[in-house]
Amino acid sequence: MSLTNEQQQMLLKIAKDSIAHGLKNGKALTVNTKDYSAELQEIRATFVTLEISGALRGCIGMLEAFQPLVVDIAKNAFLAAFRDPRFPPVSVAEYPKLEIHLSILSPSEPMIFSSEDDLICQLRPHEDGLIMQEDGLRGTFLPSVWDSLPEPRQFLEHLKLKTGLPKNYWSDTLKIRRYHCEIISDID
């Protein structure tokens, strides 16, 4: 799915408006899906990442699609701004400084590999987002994480740590799913 520039700008506006609505009302913007094109009503999973001067300020999203794209963006923008447990809620003073990045996820697909080296050889830097699952633990890295972890082995080690596993962990029961993202940013 590739959105038009107009649709991308509309999603950015929804995210920004939802954060502004949250500052005033303490809740996400309510979106009427009928006001939007069929593409923006599709059931899609998204992440909303907020930065200030290039530093992470909040990131929340869903790995499974269960609601219309416009609704997912509005809710995740609010959650990234006000409910990311790593940060205090966004303040009125911070609002104009926010850089908004939207990641629209493709459905994930299981990867098949025979060893850690085989998995590493299959990874496509700057293209793949990964979901790792093991013994009830789950973690993900969006494709944008490749910017700070460009080596496949390093990317995988840090994903293990995020998932709650030691970086040198390996098991034949480890599950990896791959997905891609359409990235929309309000800065170039």
C-alpha atoms as a PDB file:
ATOM      1  CA  MET A   1       0.000   0.000   0.000  1.00  0.00           C
ATOM      2  CA  SER A   2       1.407   3.341  -1.001  1.00  0.00           C
ATOM      3  CA  LEU A   3      -0.444   6.448   0.057  1.00  0.00           C
ATOM      4  CA  THR A   4      -0.610   9.669  -1.920  1.00  0.00           C
ATOM      5  CA  ASN A   5       1.147  12.750  -0.561  1.00  0.00           C
ATOM      6  CA  GLU A   6      -2.273  14.214   0.291  1.00  0.00           C
ATOM      7  CA  GLN A   7      -3.230  11.090   2.286  1.00  0.00           C
ATOM      8  CA  GLN A   8       0.125  11.140   4.078  1.00  0.00           C
ATOM      9  CA  GLN A   9      -0.355  14.794   5.044  1.00  0.00           C
ATOM     10  CA  MET A  10      -3.855  13.974   6.273  1.00  0.00           C
ATOM     11  CA  LEU A  11      -2.473  11.232   8.569  1.00  0.00           C
ATOM     12  CA  LEU A  12       0.174  13.614   9.934  1.00  0.00           C
ATOM     13  CA  LYS A  13      -2.559  16.189  10.617  1.00  0.00           C
ATOM     14  CA  ILE A  14      -4.650  13.558  12.449  1.00  0.00           C
ATOM     15  CA  ALA A  15      -1.633  12.647  14.620  1.00  0.00           C
ATOM     16  CA  LYS A  16      -0.864  16.307  15.395  1.00  0.00           C
ATOM     17  CA  ASP A  17      -4.541  17.106  16.071  1.00  0.00           C
ATOM     18  CA  SER A  18      -4.871  14.081  18.368  1.00  0.00           C
ATOM     19  CA  ILE A  19      -1.903  15.268  20.460  1.00  0.00           C
ATOM     20  CA  ALA A  20      -3.356  18.814  20.613  1.00  0.00           C
ATOM     21  CA  HIS A  21      -6.727  17.323  21.596  1.00  0.00           C
ATOM     22  CA  GLY A  22      -4.952  15.311  24.306  1.00  0.00           C
ATOM     23  CA  LEU A  23      -3.327  18.439  25.719  1.00  0.00           C
ATOM     24  CA  LYS A  24      -6.750  20.108  26.032  1.00  0.00           C
ATOM     25  CA  ASN A  25      -9.013  17.153  26.847  1.00  0.00           C
ATOM     26  CA  GLY A  26      -6.826  14.347  28.202  1.00  0.00           C
ATOM     27  CA  LYS A  27      -7.919  11.869  25.541  1.00  0.00           C
ATOM     28  CA  ALA A  28      -7.289  10.954  21.904  1.00  0.00           C
ATOM     29  CA  LEU A  29      -9.114  12.690  19.077  1.00  0.00           C
ATOM     30  CA  THR A  30     -12.262  10.824  18.007  1.00  0.00           C
ATOM     31  CA  VAL A  31     -12.098  10.166  14.272  1.00  0.00           C
ATOM     32  CA  ASN A  32     -15.139   9.556  12.059  1.00  0.00           C
ATOM     33  CA  THR A  33     -13.808   7.068   9.510  1.00  0.00           C
ATOM     34  CA  LYS A  34     -16.546   7.986   7.007  1.00  0.00           C
ATOM     35  CA  ASP A  35     -14.826  11.362   6.513  1.00  0.00           C
ATOM     36  CA  TYR A  36     -11.814   9.647   4.918  1.00  0.00           C
ATOM     37  CA  SER A  37     -10.943   7.746   1.751  1.00  0.00           C
ATOM     38  CA  ALA A  38     -11.157   3.956   1.554  1.00  0.00           C
ATOM     39  CA  GLU A  39      -7.329   3.697   1.800  1.00  0.00           C
ATOM     40  CA  LEU A  40      -7.364   5.563   5.129  1.00  0.00           C
ATOM     41  CA  GLN A  41     -10.185   3.334   6.410  1.00  0.00           C
ATOM     42  CA  GLU A  42      -8.237   0.093   5.799  1.00  0.00           C
ATOM     43  CA  ILE A  43      -7.512  -2.017   8.877  1.00  0.00           C
ATOM     44  CA  ARG A  44      -3.783  -1.377   9.466  1.00  0.00           C
ATOM     45  CA  ALA A  45      -1.255  -1.570  12.297  1.00  0.00           C
ATOM     46  CA  THR A  46       0.830   1.527  12.989  1.00  0.00           C
ATOM     47  CA  PHE A  47       3.478   3.013  15.238  1.00  0.00           C
ATOM     48  CA  VAL A  48       3.748   6.711  16.017  1.00  0.00           C
ATOM     49  CA  THR A  49       7.205   7.962  16.991  1.00  0.00           C
ATOM     50  CA  LEU A  50       7.732  11.420  18.460  1.00  0.00           C
ATOM     51  CA  GLU A  51      11.083  13.190  18.574  1.00  0.00           C
ATOM     52  CA  ILE A  52      12.341  16.580  19.666  1.00  0.00           C
ATOM     53  CA  SER A  53      15.552  17.724  17.948  1.00  0.00           C
ATOM     54  CA  GLY A  54      16.155  14.145  16.801  1.00  0.00           C
ATOM     55  CA  ALA A  55      15.862  12.653  20.341  1.00  0.00           C
ATOM     56  CA  LEU A  56      13.137  10.111  21.063  1.00  0.00           C
ATOM     57  CA  ARG A  57      10.212  11.627  22.995  1.00  0.00           C
ATOM     58  CA  GLY A  58       7.690   8.788  22.722  1.00  0.00           C
ATOM     59  CA  CYS A  59       6.813   5.777  20.602  1.00  0.00           C
ATOM     60  CA  ILE A  60       3.722   3.592  20.789  1.00  0.00           C
ATOM     61  CA  GLY A  61       2.144   1.240  18.293  1.00  0.00           C
ATOM     62  CA  MET A  62       0.482  -2.035  17.539  1.00  0.00           C
ATOM     63  CA  LEU A  63       1.896  -5.061  15.732  1.00  0.00           C
ATOM     64  CA  GLU A  64      -1.498  -6.479  14.790  1.00  0.00           C
ATOM     65  CA  ALA A  65      -4.003  -4.576  12.682  1.00  0.00           C
ATOM     66  CA  PHE A  66      -7.459  -4.391  14.282  1.00  0.00           C
ATOM     67  CA  GLN A  67      -8.856  -0.921  13.550  1.00  0.00           C
ATOM     68  CA  PRO A  68      -9.014   1.583  10.679  1.00  0.00           C
ATOM     69  CA  LEU A  69      -5.744   3.337   9.818  1.00  0.00           C
ATOM     70  CA  VAL A  70      -7.028   6.831  10.737  1.00  0.00           C
ATOM     71  CA  VAL A  71      -8.234   5.582  14.140  1.00  0.00           C
ATOM     72  CA  ASP A  72      -4.967   3.715  14.828  1.00  0.00           C
ATOM     73  CA  ILE A  73      -2.936   6.857  14.042  1.00  0.00           C
ATOM     74  CA  ALA A  74      -5.095   9.084  16.279  1.00  0.00           C
ATOM     75  CA  LYS A  75      -4.903   6.658  19.215  1.00  0.00           C
ATOM     76  CA  ASN A  76      -1.202   5.865  18.877  1.00  0.00           C
ATOM     77  CA  ALA A  77      -0.265   9.560  18.530  1.00  0.00           C
ATOM     78  CA  PHE A  78      -2.096  10.280  21.791  1.00  0.00           C
ATOM     79  CA  LEU A  79      -0.508   7.257  23.503  1.00  0.00           C
ATOM     80  CA  ALA A  80       3.004   8.146  22.277  1.00  0.00           C
ATOM     81  CA  ALA A  81       2.606  11.686  23.615  1.00  0.00           C
ATOM     82  CA  PHE A  82       0.967  10.920  26.945  1.00  0.00           C
ATOM     83  CA  ARG A  83       1.275   7.234  27.849  1.00  0.00           C
ATOM     84  CA  ASP A  84       4.785   6.074  26.881  1.00  0.00           C
ATOM     85  CA  PRO A  85       6.028   4.864  30.293  1.00  0.00           C
ATOM     86  CA  ARG A  86       9.599   5.922  29.468  1.00  0.00           C
ATOM     87  CA  PHE A  87       8.688   9.623  29.375  1.00  0.00           C
ATOM     88  CA  PRO A  88       6.547  12.166  31.193  1.00  0.00           C
ATOM     89  CA  PRO A  89       3.503  13.396  29.226  1.00  0.00           C
ATOM     90  CA  VAL A  90       4.241  15.896  26.448  1.00  0.00           C
ATOM     91  CA  SER A  91       3.824  19.463  27.671  1.00  0.00           C
ATOM     92  CA  VAL A  92       2.192  22.418  25.938  1.00  0.00           C
ATOM     93  CA  ALA A  93       5.682  23.952  25.560  1.00  0.00           C
ATOM     94  CA  GLU A  94       6.996  20.794  23.838  1.00  0.00           C
ATOM     95  CA  TYR A  95       4.068  20.434  21.436  1.00  0.00           C
ATOM     96  CA  PRO A  96       5.341  22.848  18.714  1.00  0.00           C
ATOM     97  CA  LYS A  97       8.776  21.170  18.786  1.00  0.00           C
ATOM     98  CA  LEU A  98       7.476  17.634  18.162  1.00  0.00           C
ATOM     99  CA  GLU A  99       8.657  15.793  15.052  1.00  0.00           C
ATOM    100  CA  ILE A 100       6.104  13.147  14.111  1.00  0.00           C
ATOM    101  CA  HIS A 101       7.014   9.911  12.323  1.00  0.00           C
ATOM    102  CA  LEU A 102       4.312   7.444  11.303  1.00  0.00           C
ATOM    103  CA  SER A 103       5.098   3.818  10.479  1.00  0.00           C
ATOM    104  CA  ILE A 104       2.381   1.874   8.670  1.00  0.00           C
ATOM    105  CA  LEU A 105       3.168  -1.818   8.981  1.00  0.00           C
ATOM    106  CA  SER A 106       2.665  -4.507   6.386  1.00  0.00           C
ATOM    107  CA  PRO A 107       1.285  -7.817   7.681  1.00  0.00           C
ATOM    108  CA  SER A 108       4.177  -9.768   9.244  1.00  0.00           C
ATOM    109  CA  GLU A 109       5.433 -13.034   7.774  1.00  0.00           C
ATOM    110  CA  PRO A 110       7.317 -15.824   9.575  1.00  0.00           C
ATOM    111  CA  MET A 111      10.982 -16.231   8.709  1.00  0.00           C
ATOM    112  CA  ILE A 112      12.408 -19.719   8.250  1.00  0.00           C
ATOM    113  CA  PHE A 113      16.042 -20.238   9.243  1.00  0.00           C
ATOM    114  CA  SER A 114      18.252 -23.115  10.358  1.00  0.00           C
ATOM    115  CA  SER A 115      20.675 -21.190  12.584  1.00  0.00           C
ATOM    116  CA  GLU A 116      21.486 -17.724  13.872  1.00  0.00           C
ATOM    117  CA  ASP A 117      23.964 -17.228  11.014  1.00  0.00           C
ATOM    118  CA  ASP A 118      21.297 -18.268   8.490  1.00  0.00           C
ATOM    119  CA  LEU A 119      18.876 -15.740  10.024  1.00  0.00           C
ATOM    120  CA  ILE A 120      21.503 -12.979   9.951  1.00  0.00           C
ATOM    121  CA  CYS A 121      22.215 -13.687   6.261  1.00  0.00           C
ATOM    122  CA  GLN A 122      18.501 -13.259   5.475  1.00  0.00           C
ATOM    123  CA  LEU A 123      18.127  -9.872   7.187  1.00  0.00           C
ATOM    124  CA  ARG A 124      17.703  -6.852   4.909  1.00  0.00           C
ATOM    125  CA  PRO A 125      19.082  -3.744   6.663  1.00  0.00           C
ATOM    126  CA  HIS A 126      16.917  -0.604   6.461  1.00  0.00           C
ATOM    127  CA  GLU A 127      14.068  -2.678   5.011  1.00  0.00           C
ATOM    128  CA  ASP A 128      13.063  -5.297   7.597  1.00  0.00           C
ATOM    129  CA  GLY A 129      11.229  -4.729  10.832  1.00  0.00           C
ATOM    130  CA  LEU A 130      11.427  -7.775  13.077  1.00  0.00           C
ATOM    131  CA  ILE A 131       9.228  -9.320  15.752  1.00  0.00           C
ATOM    132  CA  MET A 132      10.997 -11.778  18.060  1.00  0.00           C
ATOM    133  CA  GLN A 133       9.081 -14.253  20.246  1.00  0.00           C
ATOM    134  CA  GLU A 134      10.343 -16.775  22.788  1.00  0.00           C
ATOM    135  CA  ASP A 135       8.719 -18.314  25.892  1.00  0.00           C
ATOM    136  CA  GLY A 136       5.995 -15.672  26.211  1.00  0.00           C
ATOM    137  CA  LEU A 137       8.419 -12.793  25.572  1.00  0.00           C
ATOM    138  CA  ARG A 138       8.019 -10.540  22.541  1.00  0.00           C
ATOM    139  CA  GLY A 139       9.910  -7.553  21.173  1.00  0.00           C
ATOM    140  CA  THR A 140      10.077  -5.627  17.924  1.00  0.00           C
ATOM    141  CA  PHE A 141      12.352  -3.213  16.107  1.00  0.00           C
ATOM    142  CA  LEU A 142      10.946  -1.004  13.357  1.00  0.00           C
ATOM    143  CA  PRO A 143      13.041  -0.727  10.172  1.00  0.00           C
ATOM    144  CA  SER A 144      14.117   2.768  11.314  1.00  0.00           C
ATOM    145  CA  VAL A 145      16.196   1.148  14.102  1.00  0.00           C
ATOM    146  CA  TRP A 146      18.689   0.099  11.403  1.00  0.00           C
ATOM    147  CA  ASP A 147      19.788   3.764  11.367  1.00  0.00           C
ATOM    148  CA  SER A 148      21.351   3.333  14.816  1.00  0.00           C
ATOM    149  CA  LEU A 149      22.155  -0.406  14.564  1.00  0.00           C
ATOM    150  CA  PRO A 150      23.269  -0.921  10.930  1.00  0.00           C
ATOM    151  CA  GLU A 151      25.006  -4.300  11.328  1.00  0.00           C
ATOM    152  CA  PRO A 152      22.636  -7.317  11.165  1.00  0.00           C
ATOM    153  CA  ARG A 153      24.307  -9.195  14.059  1.00  0.00           C
ATOM    154  CA  GLN A 154      24.228  -6.063  16.255  1.00  0.00           C
ATOM    155  CA  PHE A 155      20.581  -5.404  15.279  1.00  0.00           C
ATOM    156  CA  LEU A 156      19.641  -8.963  16.280  1.00  0.00           C
ATOM    157  CA  GLU A 157      21.588  -8.818  19.580  1.00  0.00           C
ATOM    158  CA  HIS A 158      19.854  -5.593  20.615  1.00  0.00           C
ATOM    159  CA  LEU A 159      16.458  -7.004  19.633  1.00  0.00           C
ATOM    160  CA  LYS A 160      17.149  -9.985  21.922  1.00  0.00           C
ATOM    161  CA  LEU A 161      17.900  -7.584  24.785  1.00  0.00           C
ATOM    162  CA  LYS A 162      14.708  -5.607  24.096  1.00  0.00           C
ATOM    163  CA  THR A 163      12.750  -8.873  24.070  1.00  0.00           C
ATOM    164  CA  GLY A 164      14.183  -9.742  27.501  1.00  0.00           C
ATOM    165  CA  LEU A 165      16.744 -12.313  26.387  1.00  0.00           C
ATOM    166  CA  PRO A 166      20.548 -12.288  26.735  1.00  0.00           C
ATOM    167  CA  LYS A 167      22.238 -10.894  23.603  1.00  0.00           C
ATOM    168  CA  ASN A 168      24.007 -14.226  22.938  1.00  0.00           C
ATOM    169  CA  TYR A 169      20.797 -16.261  23.395  1.00  0.00           C
ATOM    170  CA  TRP A 170      19.869 -18.843  20.805  1.00  0.00           C
ATOM    171  CA  SER A 171      17.210 -21.557  20.705  1.00  0.00           C
ATOM    172  CA  ASP A 172      15.562 -23.680  18.039  1.00  0.00           C
ATOM    173  CA  THR A 173      12.189 -22.461  19.360  1.00  0.00           C
ATOM    174  CA  LEU A 174      12.955 -18.772  18.725  1.00  0.00           C
ATOM    175  CA  LYS A 175      10.385 -17.283  16.334  1.00  0.00           C
ATOM    176  CA  ILE A 176      11.068 -14.299  14.074  1.00  0.00           C
ATOM    177  CA  ARG A 177       8.525 -12.510  11.901  1.00  0.00           C
ATOM    178  CA  ARG A 178       9.433  -9.904   9.278  1.00  0.00           C
ATOM    179  CA  TYR A 179       7.434  -6.844   8.225  1.00  0.00           C
ATOM    180  CA  HIS A 180       7.952  -3.660   6.258  1.00  0.00           C
ATOM    181  CA  CYS A 181       6.803  -0.107   6.894  1.00  0.00           C
ATOM    182  CA  GLU A 182       5.646   2.844   4.909  1.00  0.00           C
ATOM    183  CA  ILE A 183       7.234   5.766   6.762  1.00  0.00           C
ATOM    184  CA  ILE A 184       5.628   9.208   6.856  1.00  0.00           C
ATOM    185  CA  SER A 185       7.443  12.082   8.558  1.00  0.00           C
ATOM    186  CA  ASP A 186       6.627  15.717   9.087  1.00  0.00           C
ATOM    187  CA  ILE A 187      10.296  16.620   8.553  1.00  0.00           C
ATOM    188  CA  ASP A 188      12.581  15.852   5.624  1.00  0.00           C
END
